[in-house]
C-alpha atoms as a PDB file:
ATOM      1  CA  MET A   1     -24.842  34.508   1.033  1.00  0.00           C
ATOM      2  CA  ALA A   2     -27.161  31.947   1.101  1.00  0.00           C
ATOM      3  CA  GLY A   3     -28.634  32.915   4.155  1.00  0.00           C
ATOM      4  CA  SER A   4     -29.155  36.501   2.751  1.00  0.00           C
ATOM      5  CA  LEU A   5     -30.862  35.135  -0.175  1.00  0.00           C
ATOM      6  CA  PHE A   6     -33.045  32.097   0.893  1.00  0.00           C
ATOM      7  CA  GLY A   7     -32.955  31.878   4.824  1.00  0.00           C
ATOM      8  CA  HIS A   8     -33.389  34.265   7.339  1.00  0.00           C
ATOM      9  CA  LYS A   9     -36.352  36.883   7.069  1.00  0.00           C
ATOM     10  CA  LYS A  10     -34.176  39.742   8.738  1.00  0.00           C
ATOM     11  CA  VAL A  11     -31.024  40.244   6.809  1.00  0.00           C
ATOM     12  CA  TYR A  12     -28.378  42.956   7.737  1.00  0.00           C
ATOM     13  CA  PHE A  13     -25.601  44.055   5.610  1.00  0.00           C
ATOM     14  CA  VAL A  14     -22.976  46.028   7.590  1.00  0.00           C
ATOM     15  CA  LEU A  15     -20.273  47.747   4.953  1.00  0.00           C
ATOM     16  CA  GLY A  16     -17.136  49.290   5.990  1.00  0.00           C
ATOM     17  CA  VAL A  17     -16.303  52.258   3.805  1.00  0.00           C
ATOM     18  CA  ASN A  18     -13.354  50.239   2.260  1.00  0.00           C
ATOM     19  CA  LYS A  19     -16.140  47.911   0.483  1.00  0.00           C
ATOM     20  CA  ILE A  20     -18.807  50.874  -1.134  1.00  0.00           C
ATOM     21  CA  MET A  21     -17.579  51.926  -4.702  1.00  0.00           C
ATOM     22  CA  PRO A  22     -18.815  54.940  -6.690  1.00  0.00           C
ATOM     23  CA  THR A  23     -20.213  52.240  -9.530  1.00  0.00           C
ATOM     24  CA  LEU A  24     -21.274  48.433 -10.007  1.00  0.00           C
ATOM     25  CA  GLU A  25     -18.154  48.291 -12.560  1.00  0.00           C
ATOM     26  CA  GLU A  26     -16.252  49.884  -9.717  1.00  0.00           C
ATOM     27  CA  ALA A  27     -17.478  47.184  -7.067  1.00  0.00           C
ATOM     28  CA  ILE A  28     -17.280  44.589  -9.633  1.00  0.00           C
ATOM     29  CA  TYR A  29     -13.337  45.381 -10.476  1.00  0.00           C
ATOM     30  CA  ARG A  30     -12.723  45.688  -6.417  1.00  0.00           C
ATOM     31  CA  ALA A  31     -13.902  42.388  -5.562  1.00  0.00           C
ATOM     32  CA  ARG A  32     -12.162  40.146  -8.281  1.00  0.00           C
ATOM     33  CA  ASN A  33      -8.847  42.408  -8.257  1.00  0.00           C
ATOM     34  CA  VAL A  34      -8.144  43.455  -4.895  1.00  0.00           C
ATOM     35  CA  ALA A  35     -10.480  41.569  -2.572  1.00  0.00           C
ATOM     36  CA  ALA A  36     -10.599  38.118  -4.060  1.00  0.00           C
ATOM     37  CA  PRO A  37      -6.713  38.184  -4.806  1.00  0.00           C
ATOM     38  CA  LYS A  38      -5.889  39.034  -0.901  1.00  0.00           C
ATOM     39  CA  ASN A  39      -8.385  36.227   0.513  1.00  0.00           C
ATOM     40  CA  VAL A  40      -6.484  33.820  -2.044  1.00  0.00           C
ATOM     41  CA  LEU A  41      -3.281  34.846  -0.374  1.00  0.00           C
ATOM     42  CA  ARG A  42      -4.467  34.419   3.040  1.00  0.00           C
ATOM     43  CA  HIS A  43      -6.194  31.174   2.641  1.00  0.00           C
ATOM     44  CA  GLY A  44      -2.905  29.694   0.713  1.00  0.00           C
ATOM     45  CA  TYR A  45      -4.722  28.530  -2.070  1.00  0.00           C
ATOM     46  CA  LYS A  46      -3.179  27.910  -5.264  1.00  0.00           C
ATOM     47  CA  CYS A  47      -4.937  30.050  -8.419  1.00  0.00           C
ATOM     48  CA  GLY A  48      -3.898  32.274 -10.999  1.00  0.00           C
ATOM     49  CA  CYS A  49      -3.621  35.544  -8.895  1.00  0.00           C
ATOM     50  CA  SER A  50      -2.218  33.828  -6.046  1.00  0.00           C
ATOM     51  CA  LEU A  51       0.665  32.200  -8.106  1.00  0.00           C
ATOM     52  CA  GLN A  52       1.080  35.813  -9.467  1.00  0.00           C
ATOM     53  CA  GLY A  53       1.908  37.582  -6.510  1.00  0.00           C
ATOM     54  CA  GLY A  54      -1.893  38.717  -5.466  1.00  0.00           C
ATOM     55  CA  ASP A  55      -1.688  41.471  -7.883  1.00  0.00           C
ATOM     56  CA  ARG A  56      -5.070  41.393  -9.577  1.00  0.00           C
ATOM     57  CA  CYS A  57      -7.666  38.187 -10.983  1.00  0.00           C
ATOM     58  CA  TYR A  58      -6.048  36.407 -13.924  1.00  0.00           C
ATOM     59  CA  ASP A  59      -9.726  34.822 -14.962  1.00  0.00           C
ATOM     60  CA  CYS A  60      -8.053  31.304 -14.225  1.00  0.00           C
ATOM     61  CA  GLY A  61      -9.712  27.983 -14.425  1.00  0.00           C
ATOM     62  CA  ALA A  62      -8.118  26.662 -11.332  1.00  0.00           C
ATOM     63  CA  PRO A  63      -9.943  24.487  -8.722  1.00  0.00           C
ATOM     64  CA  ASP A  64      -8.892  26.933  -6.181  1.00  0.00           C
ATOM     65  CA  ARG A  65     -10.549  29.643  -7.846  1.00  0.00           C
ATOM     66  CA  ILE A  66     -12.632  31.762  -5.465  1.00  0.00           C
ATOM     67  CA  CYS A  67     -14.153  34.265  -7.767  1.00  0.00           C
ATOM     68  CA  ASN A  68     -16.759  32.141  -9.395  1.00  0.00           C
ATOM     69  CA  VAL A  69     -20.156  33.647  -8.419  1.00  0.00           C
ATOM     70  CA  LEU A  70     -21.431  37.361  -8.920  1.00  0.00           C
ATOM     71  CA  ALA A  71     -24.479  38.013  -6.733  1.00  0.00           C
ATOM     72  CA  ILE A  72     -26.386  41.472  -7.190  1.00  0.00           C
ATOM     73  CA  TYR A  73     -29.487  41.994  -5.481  1.00  0.00           C
ATOM     74  CA  TYR A  74     -32.272  44.040  -7.429  1.00  0.00           C
ATOM     75  CA  LYS A  75     -34.886  43.350  -5.173  1.00  0.00           C
ATOM     76  CA  LYS A  76     -35.614  41.363  -2.157  1.00  0.00           C
ATOM     77  CA  MET A  77     -36.042  37.515  -2.365  1.00  0.00           C
ATOM     78  CA  ARG A  78     -39.386  36.170  -1.517  1.00  0.00           C
ATOM     79  CA  ASN A  79     -40.265  35.502   1.889  1.00  0.00           C
ATOM     80  CA  ILE A  80     -37.815  37.962   3.365  1.00  0.00           C
ATOM     81  CA  GLU A  81     -39.155  40.596   5.293  1.00  0.00           C
ATOM     82  CA  GLY A  82     -36.485  43.186   4.465  1.00  0.00           C
ATOM     83  CA  TYR A  83     -33.251  44.110   4.150  1.00  0.00           C
ATOM     84  CA  ARG A  84     -31.106  46.829   6.028  1.00  0.00           C
ATOM     85  CA  THR A  85     -27.556  48.271   5.648  1.00  0.00           C
ATOM     86  CA  LYS A  86     -25.618  50.181   7.435  1.00  0.00           C
ATOM     87  CA  ARG A  87     -22.483  51.913   6.593  1.00  0.00           C
ATOM     88  CA  VAL A  88     -20.246  52.284   9.043  1.00  0.00           C
ATOM     89  CA  GLY A  89     -17.642  54.865   9.015  1.00  0.00           C
ATOM     90  CA  LYS A  90     -14.176  52.676   9.010  1.00  0.00           C
ATOM     91  CA  ASN A  91     -12.524  49.973   7.012  1.00  0.00           C
ATOM     92  CA  LEU A  92     -13.929  46.299   8.453  1.00  0.00           C
ATOM     93  CA  TYR A  93     -11.457  44.384   6.089  1.00  0.00           C
ATOM     94  CA  TYR A  94     -11.940  40.505   7.682  1.00  0.00           C
ATOM     95  CA  ALA A  95     -13.831  41.380  11.090  1.00  0.00           C
ATOM     96  CA  CYS A  96     -16.509  39.134  10.008  1.00  0.00           C
ATOM     97  CA  ILE A  97     -14.398  36.562   9.032  1.00  0.00           C
ATOM     98  CA  LYS A  98     -12.413  36.685  12.202  1.00  0.00           C
ATOM     99  CA  GLY A  99     -16.035  36.122  14.278  1.00  0.00           C
ATOM    100  CA  ARG A 100     -16.244  39.899  15.551  1.00  0.00           C
ATOM    101  CA  ILE A 101     -19.838  40.190  14.186  1.00  0.00           C
ATOM    102  CA  ARG A 102     -21.517  41.245  17.269  1.00  0.00           C
ATOM    103  CA  GLY A 103     -19.367  43.929  18.113  1.00  0.00           C
ATOM    104  CA  ILE A 104     -19.781  45.650  14.540  1.00  0.00           C
ATOM    105  CA  LEU A 105     -23.435  44.912  14.809  1.00  0.00           C
ATOM    106  CA  LYS A 106     -23.433  46.848  18.000  1.00  0.00           C
ATOM    107  CA  TYR A 107     -20.864  49.458  16.488  1.00  0.00           C
ATOM    108  CA  ALA A 108     -22.816  50.484  13.878  1.00  0.00           C
ATOM    109  CA  ARG A 109     -25.992  50.451  16.359  1.00  0.00           C
ATOM    110  CA  VAL A 110     -27.991  47.458  14.496  1.00  0.00           C
ATOM    111  CA  ALA A 111     -30.375  45.907  16.956  1.00  0.00           C
ATOM    112  CA  LEU A 112     -30.260  41.760  16.314  1.00  0.00           C
END
């Protein structure tokens, strides 16, 4: 995230179809109530959503809470040449986290 805001000159966003929502409100809901609880359970963190089985965000104040920041890109940051977005016609799940980003970029036909 930090690299897409301040670090690199070129930024690539590769999005699986499961990450794209019709509205901003639905995207925020998905990030907080679907993706974040799954990540909390996967990492074994102790916070409201994990203690309740990972069904949704409970807007807790636990130290292990992972839904602390919301970043929305209105325009590109200074010193960034540009953003490139590629939609991939399949669910990516946690592929980037598992270290398969180069394979995903090749699949999405994004040149590095």
